[in-house]
Each structure stands twice: as structure tokens, then as C-alpha cells.
């Protein structure tokens, strides 16, 4: 094995990264549920299901919507993308039975909490550093 290969530790496999991403989303949604009285999950299965749907939406749909709303985001100094993030929670709620967000302002708060928790996770060392945007930062260090 060369010294160059040792300089860059091998990245976890796709399955491991997907599992970590799913559990990280479950943690984020559990924090939202714990902090907001009007966000409910019937059981752990609903939280895990919501985390899976939320992760897929954020991976597949959100980038497309951000691209489509880019002109509006420029005009609104990025505020349009906050509404895209809110939409990801709305769609998650619509798809997953047992995961409910009651009220527009609760949805706004939930979106803010998701953003803050993800921001904290971006700068906190841990297993979640090997997925998505965090993975790119992990590989640089």
C-alpha cells in the first residue's frame, strides 16, 4: 500500500452512507417533534418512515426545485429556497401516515429547526460527516 493511499482514508460504502443519512434525518425530525408541540409522530416507525421520505425528497426533488426557483431566489435573496425546504416537510407529511405538522407557523418553526440542526451537524464531528455536503467537507480534512 502506498503512502498516498494512507493519506486519504477509504470512504464508507453507499449502504453505510445511506443508513447514516437516514438515521441523521430521523434524529433531526425527532428533535423537531421534541421541540414543537404541534408536530407529532404516532410511533418510532412513523419517524423512521418520515426520515426516509424526507431524505429521498431532499436528495432527488429539492435540488431540482432549487434550480427551477433560482431566478426567484436571486430576487428574494434566497428566501424562495426556504419555501422549497418547507415544501419538503409538507410533502413528507402528506406521504407518511402518522407524521403530522399542524399549522403554517409550526411548519415555519420546523423548517428553521431542521436548518439549525443541520447547520450544527455540519460543524460537529461524527458519523454523519460521511454523507452529502458533509462528506465533501470530511474528504478535505
C-alpha atoms as a PDB file:
ATOM      1  CA  UNK A   1       0.000   0.000   0.000  1.00  0.00           C
ATOM      2  CA  UNK A   2       1.382   3.387  -0.929  1.00  0.00           C
ATOM      3  CA  UNK A   3       1.725   6.369   1.363  1.00  0.00           C
ATOM      4  CA  UNK A   4      -0.713   8.233  -0.889  1.00  0.00           C
ATOM      5  CA  UNK A   5      -3.444   5.652  -0.244  1.00  0.00           C
ATOM      6  CA  UNK A   6      -2.958   6.020   3.504  1.00  0.00           C
ATOM      7  CA  UNK A   7      -3.305   9.808   3.277  1.00  0.00           C
ATOM      8  CA  UNK A   8      -6.981   9.504   2.280  1.00  0.00           C
ATOM      9  CA  UNK A   9      -8.928   7.039   4.410  1.00  0.00           C
ATOM     10  CA  UNK A  10     -11.405   4.964   2.460  1.00  0.00           C
ATOM     11  CA  UNK A  11     -14.906   6.373   2.404  1.00  0.00           C
ATOM     12  CA  UNK A  12     -17.692   4.172   3.793  1.00  0.00           C
ATOM     13  CA  UNK A  13     -19.753   2.305   1.218  1.00  0.00           C
ATOM     14  CA  UNK A  14     -23.015   3.573  -0.239  1.00  0.00           C
ATOM     15  CA  UNK A  15     -25.167   1.412   2.030  1.00  0.00           C
ATOM     16  CA  UNK A  16     -23.425   2.733   5.145  1.00  0.00           C
ATOM     17  CA  UNK A  17     -23.751   6.347   3.939  1.00  0.00           C
ATOM     18  CA  UNK A  18     -27.480   5.845   3.210  1.00  0.00           C
ATOM     19  CA  UNK A  19     -28.031   4.313   6.652  1.00  0.00           C
ATOM     20  CA  UNK A  20     -26.197   7.180   8.369  1.00  0.00           C
ATOM     21  CA  UNK A  21     -28.136   9.751   6.331  1.00  0.00           C
ATOM     22  CA  UNK A  22     -31.445   8.068   7.199  1.00  0.00           C
ATOM     23  CA  UNK A  23     -30.649   7.932  10.912  1.00  0.00           C
ATOM     24  CA  UNK A  24     -29.426  11.545  10.859  1.00  0.00           C
ATOM     25  CA  UNK A  25     -32.721  12.624   9.279  1.00  0.00           C
ATOM     26  CA  UNK A  26     -34.568  10.605  11.942  1.00  0.00           C
ATOM     27  CA  UNK A  27     -32.583  12.422  14.647  1.00  0.00           C
ATOM     28  CA  UNK A  28     -33.362  15.825  13.102  1.00  0.00           C
ATOM     29  CA  UNK A  29     -37.094  15.041  12.825  1.00  0.00           C
ATOM     30  CA  UNK A  30     -37.140  13.643  16.383  1.00  0.00           C
ATOM     31  CA  UNK A  31     -35.640  16.920  17.614  1.00  0.00           C
ATOM     32  CA  UNK A  32     -38.375  18.830  15.761  1.00  0.00           C
ATOM     33  CA  UNK A  33     -41.029  16.586  17.322  1.00  0.00           C
ATOM     34  CA  UNK A  34     -39.483  17.053  20.761  1.00  0.00           C
ATOM     35  CA  UNK A  35     -39.336  20.837  20.488  1.00  0.00           C
ATOM     36  CA  UNK A  36     -42.690  21.614  18.855  1.00  0.00           C
ATOM     37  CA  UNK A  37     -45.974  20.649  20.479  1.00  0.00           C
ATOM     38  CA  UNK A  38     -47.817  20.728  17.135  1.00  0.00           C
ATOM     39  CA  UNK A  39     -45.534  18.241  15.386  1.00  0.00           C
ATOM     40  CA  UNK A  40     -46.467  14.634  16.106  1.00  0.00           C
ATOM     41  CA  UNK A  41     -45.415  11.134  15.174  1.00  0.00           C
ATOM     42  CA  UNK A  42     -47.560   8.187  16.193  1.00  0.00           C
ATOM     43  CA  UNK A  43     -44.542   5.959  16.856  1.00  0.00           C
ATOM     44  CA  UNK A  44     -40.891   5.351  16.049  1.00  0.00           C
ATOM     45  CA  UNK A  45     -41.892   3.733  12.752  1.00  0.00           C
ATOM     46  CA  UNK A  46     -43.536   6.970  11.647  1.00  0.00           C
ATOM     47  CA  UNK A  47     -40.369   8.927  12.490  1.00  0.00           C
ATOM     48  CA  UNK A  48     -38.190   6.435  10.587  1.00  0.00           C
ATOM     49  CA  UNK A  49     -40.600   6.469   7.640  1.00  0.00           C
ATOM     50  CA  UNK A  50     -40.666  10.256   7.613  1.00  0.00           C
ATOM     51  CA  UNK A  51     -36.856  10.315   7.767  1.00  0.00           C
ATOM     52  CA  UNK A  52     -36.631   8.009   4.738  1.00  0.00           C
ATOM     53  CA  UNK A  53     -39.127  10.045   2.698  1.00  0.00           C
ATOM     54  CA  UNK A  54     -37.565  13.344   3.786  1.00  0.00           C
ATOM     55  CA  UNK A  55     -34.117  12.076   2.790  1.00  0.00           C
ATOM     56  CA  UNK A  56     -35.281  10.931  -0.646  1.00  0.00           C
ATOM     57  CA  UNK A  57     -37.094  14.225  -1.261  1.00  0.00           C
ATOM     58  CA  UNK A  58     -34.055  16.251  -0.203  1.00  0.00           C
ATOM     59  CA  UNK A  59     -31.818  14.153  -2.445  1.00  0.00           C
ATOM     60  CA  UNK A  60     -33.967  13.980  -5.581  1.00  0.00           C
ATOM     61  CA  UNK A  61     -36.625  16.708  -5.612  1.00  0.00           C
ATOM     62  CA  UNK A  62     -35.093  19.575  -3.643  1.00  0.00           C
ATOM     63  CA  UNK A  63     -32.099  20.141  -5.990  1.00  0.00           C
ATOM     64  CA  UNK A  64     -34.456  20.252  -8.987  1.00  0.00           C
ATOM     65  CA  UNK A  65     -36.772  22.727  -7.255  1.00  0.00           C
ATOM     66  CA  UNK A  66     -33.832  24.872  -6.201  1.00  0.00           C
ATOM     67  CA  UNK A  67     -32.675  25.028  -9.804  1.00  0.00           C
ATOM     68  CA  UNK A  68     -36.163  25.916 -11.050  1.00  0.00           C
ATOM     69  CA  UNK A  69     -36.574  28.621  -8.398  1.00  0.00           C
ATOM     70  CA  UNK A  70     -33.082  30.083  -8.862  1.00  0.00           C
ATOM     71  CA  UNK A  71     -34.328  33.304 -10.538  1.00  0.00           C
ATOM     72  CA  UNK A  72     -36.862  33.821  -7.741  1.00  0.00           C
ATOM     73  CA  UNK A  73     -34.201  33.005  -5.135  1.00  0.00           C
ATOM     74  CA  UNK A  74     -31.959  35.704  -6.613  1.00  0.00           C
ATOM     75  CA  UNK A  75     -34.783  38.246  -6.479  1.00  0.00           C
ATOM     76  CA  UNK A  76     -35.689  37.311  -2.896  1.00  0.00           C
ATOM     77  CA  UNK A  77     -32.083  36.958  -1.659  1.00  0.00           C
ATOM     78  CA  UNK A  78     -32.586  33.215  -1.085  1.00  0.00           C
ATOM     79  CA  UNK A  79     -35.902  33.391   0.738  1.00  0.00           C
ATOM     80  CA  UNK A  80     -37.545  31.318  -2.006  1.00  0.00           C
ATOM     81  CA  UNK A  81     -35.328  28.379  -1.026  1.00  0.00           C
ATOM     82  CA  UNK A  82     -36.716  28.496   2.497  1.00  0.00           C
ATOM     83  CA  UNK A  83     -40.120  27.783   0.969  1.00  0.00           C
ATOM     84  CA  UNK A  84     -38.619  24.904  -1.016  1.00  0.00           C
ATOM     85  CA  UNK A  85     -37.370  23.470   2.286  1.00  0.00           C
ATOM     86  CA  UNK A  86     -40.826  23.953   3.798  1.00  0.00           C
ATOM     87  CA  UNK A  87     -42.316  22.100   0.843  1.00  0.00           C
ATOM     88  CA  UNK A  88     -40.081  19.089   1.571  1.00  0.00           C
ATOM     89  CA  UNK A  89     -41.659  18.856   5.038  1.00  0.00           C
ATOM     90  CA  UNK A  90     -45.178  19.340   3.619  1.00  0.00           C
ATOM     91  CA  UNK A  91     -44.679  16.531   1.096  1.00  0.00           C
ATOM     92  CA  UNK A  92     -43.162  14.293   3.783  1.00  0.00           C
ATOM     93  CA  UNK A  93     -46.185  14.899   5.979  1.00  0.00           C
ATOM     94  CA  UNK A  94     -48.549  14.144   3.071  1.00  0.00           C
ATOM     95  CA  UNK A  95     -46.822  10.861   2.225  1.00  0.00           C
ATOM     96  CA  UNK A  96     -46.133   9.479   5.706  1.00  0.00           C
ATOM     97  CA  UNK A  97     -49.119   8.490   7.790  1.00  0.00           C
ATOM     98  CA  UNK A  98     -48.539   9.150  11.468  1.00  0.00           C
ATOM     99  CA  UNK A  99     -46.264  12.153  10.919  1.00  0.00           C
ATOM    100  CA  UNK A 100     -48.170  15.423  11.289  1.00  0.00           C
ATOM    101  CA  UNK A 101     -47.299  19.112  11.352  1.00  0.00           C
ATOM    102  CA  UNK A 102     -50.229  21.276  12.455  1.00  0.00           C
ATOM    103  CA  UNK A 103     -50.310  24.869  11.240  1.00  0.00           C
ATOM    104  CA  UNK A 104     -48.342  27.134   8.952  1.00  0.00           C
ATOM    105  CA  UNK A 105     -46.277  28.769  11.692  1.00  0.00           C
ATOM    106  CA  UNK A 106     -45.408  25.378  13.147  1.00  0.00           C
ATOM    107  CA  UNK A 107     -44.192  24.420   9.674  1.00  0.00           C
ATOM    108  CA  UNK A 108     -42.055  27.574   9.574  1.00  0.00           C
ATOM    109  CA  UNK A 109     -40.602  26.743  13.004  1.00  0.00           C
ATOM    110  CA  UNK A 110     -39.987  23.121  11.998  1.00  0.00           C
ATOM    111  CA  UNK A 111     -38.139  24.242   8.858  1.00  0.00           C
ATOM    112  CA  UNK A 112     -35.989  26.620  10.914  1.00  0.00           C
ATOM    113  CA  UNK A 113     -35.177  23.873  13.422  1.00  0.00           C
ATOM    114  CA  UNK A 114     -34.218  21.457  10.615  1.00  0.00           C
ATOM    115  CA  UNK A 115     -31.943  24.156   9.183  1.00  0.00           C
ATOM    116  CA  UNK A 116     -30.304  24.954  12.552  1.00  0.00           C
ATOM    117  CA  UNK A 117     -29.782  21.293  13.493  1.00  0.00           C
ATOM    118  CA  UNK A 118     -28.264  20.562  10.067  1.00  0.00           C
ATOM    119  CA  UNK A 119     -26.009  23.605  10.424  1.00  0.00           C
ATOM    120  CA  UNK A 120     -24.831  22.331  13.816  1.00  0.00           C
ATOM    121  CA  UNK A 121     -24.268  18.833  12.393  1.00  0.00           C
ATOM    122  CA  UNK A 122     -22.242  20.319   9.527  1.00  0.00           C
ATOM    123  CA  UNK A 123     -19.693  21.589  12.036  1.00  0.00           C
ATOM    124  CA  UNK A 124     -19.872  18.785  14.627  1.00  0.00           C
ATOM    125  CA  UNK A 125     -17.599  15.772  14.133  1.00  0.00           C
ATOM    126  CA  UNK A 126     -19.451  12.483  13.986  1.00  0.00           C
ATOM    127  CA  UNK A 127     -20.572   9.661  11.709  1.00  0.00           C
ATOM    128  CA  UNK A 128     -22.945  11.996   9.839  1.00  0.00           C
ATOM    129  CA  UNK A 129     -19.865  13.697   8.357  1.00  0.00           C
ATOM    130  CA  UNK A 130     -19.642  10.986   5.663  1.00  0.00           C
ATOM    131  CA  UNK A 131     -22.887  11.872   3.837  1.00  0.00           C
ATOM    132  CA  UNK A 132     -23.935  14.527   1.327  1.00  0.00           C
ATOM    133  CA  UNK A 133     -22.412  18.007   1.656  1.00  0.00           C
ATOM    134  CA  UNK A 134     -20.798  16.909   4.915  1.00  0.00           C
ATOM    135  CA  UNK A 135     -18.994  14.133   3.012  1.00  0.00           C
ATOM    136  CA  UNK A 136     -17.219  16.674   0.824  1.00  0.00           C
ATOM    137  CA  UNK A 137     -16.004  18.512   3.936  1.00  0.00           C
ATOM    138  CA  UNK A 138     -14.978  15.160   5.520  1.00  0.00           C
ATOM    139  CA  UNK A 139     -12.892  14.212   2.490  1.00  0.00           C
ATOM    140  CA  UNK A 140     -10.978  17.531   2.555  1.00  0.00           C
ATOM    141  CA  UNK A 141      -9.747  17.022   6.110  1.00  0.00           C
END
